[in-house]
N, C-alpha and C. Protein backbone atom coordinates (compact mmCIF):
# COMPACT_ATOMS: atom_id res chain seq x y z
N UNK A 1 -13.12 6.67 5.57
CA UNK A 1 -12.37 5.82 5.64
C UNK A 1 -11.58 5.61 4.20
N UNK A 2 -10.29 5.48 3.87
CA UNK A 2 -9.41 5.60 2.92
C UNK A 2 -9.55 4.11 2.24
N UNK A 3 -9.50 3.40 1.13
CA UNK A 3 -9.48 2.23 0.62
C UNK A 3 -8.14 2.28 -0.19
N UNK A 4 -7.70 1.34 0.34
CA UNK A 4 -6.31 0.94 -0.02
C UNK A 4 -6.08 -0.57 -0.70
N UNK A 5 -5.81 -0.76 -2.05
CA UNK A 5 -5.48 -2.11 -2.66
C UNK A 5 -4.14 -2.21 -2.61
N UNK A 6 -3.46 -3.38 -2.46
CA UNK A 6 -2.22 -3.85 -2.50
C UNK A 6 -2.15 -5.22 -3.62
N UNK A 7 -1.77 -4.91 -4.53
CA UNK A 7 -1.44 -6.10 -5.58
C UNK A 7 0.11 -6.74 -4.93
N UNK A 8 -0.39 -7.65 -5.16
CA UNK A 8 1.02 -8.92 -4.46
C UNK A 8 1.18 -10.42 -4.73
N UNK A 9 1.84 -10.96 -4.37
CA UNK A 9 1.62 -12.37 -4.55
C UNK A 9 2.35 -12.99 -3.15
N UNK A 10 2.10 -14.45 -2.88
CA UNK A 10 2.52 -14.78 -1.74
C UNK A 10 4.27 -15.13 -2.42
N UNK A 11 5.12 -15.19 -1.11
CA UNK A 11 6.57 -15.54 -1.05
C UNK A 11 7.40 -14.01 -1.82
N UNK A 12 6.51 -13.01 -1.89
CA UNK A 12 7.03 -11.93 -2.18
C UNK A 12 7.89 -11.01 -0.81
N UNK A 13 8.89 -10.84 -1.05
CA UNK A 13 9.42 -10.24 0.59
C UNK A 13 9.15 -8.88 0.41
N UNK A 14 9.31 -8.02 -0.79
CA UNK A 14 8.86 -6.84 -0.95
C UNK A 14 7.02 -6.35 -0.75
N UNK A 15 6.57 -7.40 -0.89
CA UNK A 15 4.72 -7.51 -0.45
C UNK A 15 5.00 -7.14 1.00
N UNK A 16 5.53 -8.33 1.77
CA UNK A 16 5.78 -8.23 2.88
C UNK A 16 5.77 -7.04 3.86
N UNK A 17 7.14 -6.53 3.10
CA UNK A 17 7.41 -5.50 3.37
C UNK A 17 6.15 -4.18 3.29
N UNK A 18 5.72 -4.01 2.30
CA UNK A 18 4.73 -2.92 2.04
C UNK A 18 3.73 -3.46 3.09
N UNK A 19 3.22 -4.07 3.26
CA UNK A 19 1.78 -4.86 4.13
C UNK A 19 2.32 -4.52 5.20
N UNK A 20 3.43 -4.49 6.02
CA UNK A 20 3.98 -4.07 7.51
C UNK A 20 4.14 -2.65 7.55
N UNK A 21 4.48 -1.97 6.37
CA UNK A 21 4.15 -0.28 6.43
C UNK A 21 2.72 -0.04 6.58
N UNK A 22 2.03 -0.68 5.75
CA UNK A 22 0.54 -0.48 5.82
C UNK A 22 -0.03 -0.61 6.86
N UNK A 23 0.24 -1.59 7.75
CA UNK A 23 -0.11 -1.98 9.05
C UNK A 23 -0.13 -1.09 10.03
N UNK A 24 1.49 -0.25 10.23
CA UNK A 24 1.90 0.43 11.02
C UNK A 24 0.84 1.64 10.75
N UNK A 25 0.99 2.00 9.62
CA UNK A 25 0.38 3.53 9.18
C UNK A 25 -1.18 3.06 9.79
N UNK A 26 -1.70 2.35 9.58
CA UNK A 26 -3.22 2.15 9.59
C UNK A 26 -3.53 2.41 11.15
N UNK A 27 -2.61 2.14 12.22
CA UNK A 27 -2.95 2.33 13.60
C UNK A 27 -2.92 4.12 13.68
N UNK A 28 -2.70 4.88 12.84
CA UNK A 28 -2.66 6.02 12.90
C UNK A 28 -3.45 7.08 11.80
N UNK A 29 -4.18 6.16 10.85
CA UNK A 29 -5.07 6.97 9.95
C UNK A 29 -6.51 5.31 9.50
N UNK A 30 -7.39 6.21 9.31
CA UNK A 30 -8.20 5.38 8.85
C UNK A 30 -8.29 4.69 7.75
N UNK A 31 -7.97 3.13 7.72
CA UNK A 31 -7.37 2.43 6.27
C UNK A 31 -8.31 1.27 6.02
N UNK A 32 -9.28 1.02 4.70
CA UNK A 32 -9.45 -0.70 4.69
C UNK A 32 -8.79 -1.26 3.45
N UNK A 33 -7.84 -2.20 4.05
CA UNK A 33 -6.91 -2.54 2.99
C UNK A 33 -7.43 -3.71 2.26
N UNK A 34 -7.49 -3.87 0.75
CA UNK A 34 -7.69 -5.37 0.16
C UNK A 34 -6.24 -5.62 0.03
N UNK A 35 -6.28 -6.99 -0.18
CA UNK A 35 -4.76 -7.41 -0.41
C UNK A 35 -5.34 -8.22 -1.91
N UNK A 36 -4.95 -8.25 -3.08
CA UNK A 36 -4.72 -9.03 -4.28
C UNK A 36 -3.96 -9.71 -4.64
N UNK A 37 -4.08 -11.27 -4.65
CA UNK A 37 -3.07 -11.95 -4.84
C UNK A 37 -2.77 -11.95 -6.59
N UNK A 38 -1.97 -11.52 -7.24
CA UNK A 38 -2.21 -11.79 -8.91
C UNK A 38 -1.69 -12.89 -9.60
N UNK A 39 -1.08 -13.91 -8.44
CA UNK A 39 -0.96 -15.18 -9.18
C UNK A 39 -1.92 -15.88 -9.35
N UNK A 40 -3.50 -15.61 -8.86
CA UNK A 40 -4.32 -16.13 -8.73
C UNK A 40 -5.41 -15.66 -10.38
N UNK A 41 -4.69 -14.61 -11.25
CA UNK A 41 -5.53 -13.94 -12.19
C UNK A 41 -4.57 -13.68 -13.33
N UNK A 42 -4.33 -14.52 -14.46
CA UNK A 42 -3.38 -14.18 -15.56
C UNK A 42 -3.40 -12.90 -15.86
N UNK A 43 -4.69 -12.25 -16.13
CA UNK A 43 -4.67 -10.78 -16.51
C UNK A 43 -3.87 -9.45 -15.54
N UNK A 44 -3.81 -10.03 -14.25
CA UNK A 44 -3.11 -9.34 -13.22
C UNK A 44 -1.59 -9.49 -13.21
N UNK A 45 -1.32 -10.76 -13.60
CA UNK A 45 -0.26 -11.38 -13.24
C UNK A 45 0.43 -10.70 -14.84
N UNK A 46 0.09 -10.67 -16.02
CA UNK A 46 0.47 -9.93 -17.03
C UNK A 46 0.90 -8.31 -16.75
N UNK A 47 -0.08 -7.55 -15.88
CA UNK A 47 -0.22 -6.49 -15.96
C UNK A 47 0.92 -5.84 -15.08
N UNK A 48 1.04 -6.63 -13.98
CA UNK A 48 1.81 -6.29 -12.88
C UNK A 48 2.86 -6.85 -12.87
N UNK A 49 3.26 -8.40 -13.44
CA UNK A 49 4.31 -9.12 -12.98
C UNK A 49 5.27 -8.86 -12.54
N UNK A 50 6.36 -8.08 -12.75
CA UNK A 50 7.53 -8.03 -11.71
C UNK A 50 7.44 -6.68 -11.24
N UNK A 51 6.21 -6.02 -11.29
CA UNK A 51 6.11 -4.67 -10.71
C UNK A 51 5.47 -4.50 -9.07
N UNK A 52 5.30 -5.84 -8.57
CA UNK A 52 5.12 -5.80 -7.52
C UNK A 52 5.80 -5.63 -5.87
N UNK A 53 5.44 -4.92 -5.46
CA UNK A 53 3.78 -4.89 -4.67
C UNK A 53 3.46 -3.26 -5.75
N UNK A 54 1.91 -3.11 -5.98
CA UNK A 54 1.79 -1.80 -6.32
C UNK A 54 0.67 -1.59 -5.32
N UNK A 55 0.33 -0.42 -4.95
CA UNK A 55 -0.03 -0.10 -3.71
C UNK A 55 -1.20 1.00 -4.44
N UNK A 56 -2.45 1.10 -4.02
CA UNK A 56 -3.49 1.86 -4.65
C UNK A 56 -3.99 2.46 -3.59
N UNK A 57 -4.27 4.03 -3.39
CA UNK A 57 -5.08 4.61 -2.65
C UNK A 57 -6.53 5.16 -3.24
N UNK A 58 -7.78 4.55 -3.17
CA UNK A 58 -8.65 5.11 -3.84
C UNK A 58 -8.69 5.06 -4.95
N UNK A 59 -7.99 4.13 -5.77
CA UNK A 59 -7.93 3.55 -7.00
C UNK A 59 -7.15 4.47 -7.84
N UNK A 60 -5.93 5.03 -7.01
CA UNK A 60 -4.76 5.50 -7.93
C UNK A 60 -3.82 5.08 -7.02
N UNK A 61 -2.95 4.87 -8.42
CA UNK A 61 -1.58 4.65 -7.95
C UNK A 61 -0.60 4.95 -6.95
N UNK A 62 -0.62 4.78 -5.86
CA UNK A 62 0.54 5.80 -5.06
C UNK A 62 2.26 4.87 -5.17
N UNK A 63 2.68 3.74 -5.03
CA UNK A 63 3.43 3.22 -4.92
C UNK A 63 3.84 1.82 -5.88
N UNK A 64 5.15 1.70 -5.92
CA UNK A 64 5.59 0.37 -6.40
C UNK A 64 6.60 0.00 -5.82
N UNK A 65 6.73 -1.28 -5.39
CA UNK A 65 7.84 -1.90 -4.90
C UNK A 65 8.21 -1.56 -3.35
N UNK A 66 8.35 -0.17 -3.27
CA UNK A 66 8.52 0.33 -1.53
C UNK A 66 7.85 1.51 -1.57
N UNK A 67 7.34 1.59 -0.08
CA UNK A 67 6.81 3.24 0.50
C UNK A 67 7.20 3.15 2.15
N UNK A 68 8.04 4.39 2.30
CA UNK A 68 7.80 4.45 3.74
C UNK A 68 6.67 5.00 4.41
N UNK A 69 6.95 5.18 5.61
CA UNK A 69 5.64 5.17 6.54
C UNK A 69 5.42 6.81 6.49
N UNK A 70 6.51 7.60 6.46
CA UNK A 70 6.37 8.92 5.96
C UNK A 70 5.64 9.34 4.60
N UNK A 71 5.94 8.98 3.53
CA UNK A 71 5.48 8.89 2.06
C UNK A 71 3.92 8.25 2.44
N UNK A 72 3.82 7.45 3.06
CA UNK A 72 2.25 6.66 2.76
C UNK A 72 1.36 7.98 3.46
N UNK A 73 2.10 8.27 4.74
CA UNK A 73 1.19 9.29 5.73
C UNK A 73 0.70 10.41 4.51
N UNK A 74 1.82 10.89 3.98
CA UNK A 74 1.57 12.20 3.19
C UNK A 74 0.93 11.94 2.46
N UNK A 75 0.82 10.69 1.53
CA UNK A 75 -0.08 10.43 0.51
C UNK A 75 -1.41 10.30 1.09
N UNK A 76 -2.04 9.66 2.18
CA UNK A 76 -3.11 9.78 2.78
C UNK A 76 -3.61 10.86 3.04
N UNK A 77 -2.70 12.15 3.61
CA UNK A 77 -3.11 13.21 3.79
C UNK A 77 -3.71 14.13 2.78
N UNK A 78 -2.98 13.57 1.66
CA UNK A 78 -3.18 14.61 0.59
C UNK A 78 -4.60 14.16 -0.07
N UNK A 79 -5.00 12.87 0.65
CA UNK A 79 -6.65 12.78 0.21
C UNK A 79 -7.33 12.66 1.01
N UNK A 80 -6.93 13.30 1.93
CA UNK A 80 -8.20 13.63 3.39
C UNK A 80 -8.20 12.58 4.63
N UNK A 81 -7.27 11.89 4.51
CA UNK A 81 -7.42 11.02 5.65
C UNK A 81 -7.07 11.31 6.88
N UNK A 82 -6.31 12.19 6.93
CA UNK A 82 -5.90 13.08 8.51
C UNK A 82 -4.93 12.19 9.22
N UNK A 83 -5.40 11.43 10.04
CA UNK A 83 -4.09 10.70 11.02
C UNK A 83 -3.63 11.76 11.71
N UNK A 84 -2.52 11.51 12.56
CA UNK A 84 -2.17 12.29 13.42
C UNK A 84 -0.86 13.42 13.08
N UNK A 85 -0.51 13.32 11.78
CA UNK A 85 0.21 14.43 11.35
C UNK A 85 1.47 14.24 11.72
N UNK A 86 1.86 12.93 12.15
CA UNK A 86 3.15 12.84 12.48
C UNK A 86 3.75 11.33 11.72
N UNK A 87 4.92 11.58 11.24
CA UNK A 87 5.40 10.58 10.30
C UNK A 87 5.97 9.64 11.17
N UNK A 88 6.18 9.55 12.22
CA UNK A 88 6.91 8.35 13.21
C UNK A 88 7.75 7.69 12.49
N UNK A 89 9.04 8.11 12.14
CA UNK A 89 9.96 7.44 11.74
C UNK A 89 10.30 6.84 10.42
N UNK A 90 9.60 7.83 9.52
CA UNK A 90 9.56 8.20 8.50
C UNK A 90 10.55 7.34 7.38
N UNK A 91 10.28 6.67 6.15
CA UNK A 91 11.44 6.21 5.39
C UNK A 91 11.06 4.96 5.04
């Protein structure tokens, strides 16, 4: 299983969009998503502030702001997640 970490905050529409992309991709690849609300931690707020959402795959920054399903699947395959090999409406 591949570990994804999503730094976000409540009320962030880009964060909601990225969560939806991750949820769709999770049906094709074995993922474990940890969502971290940066608004609860001043250090994280200072670090990520206006750059959310930020998505990490196994601790490595994979995207900020937006990622498409195809891009995420490609990133996961490059880390050995497998999946179906179909991008399924990438973009």
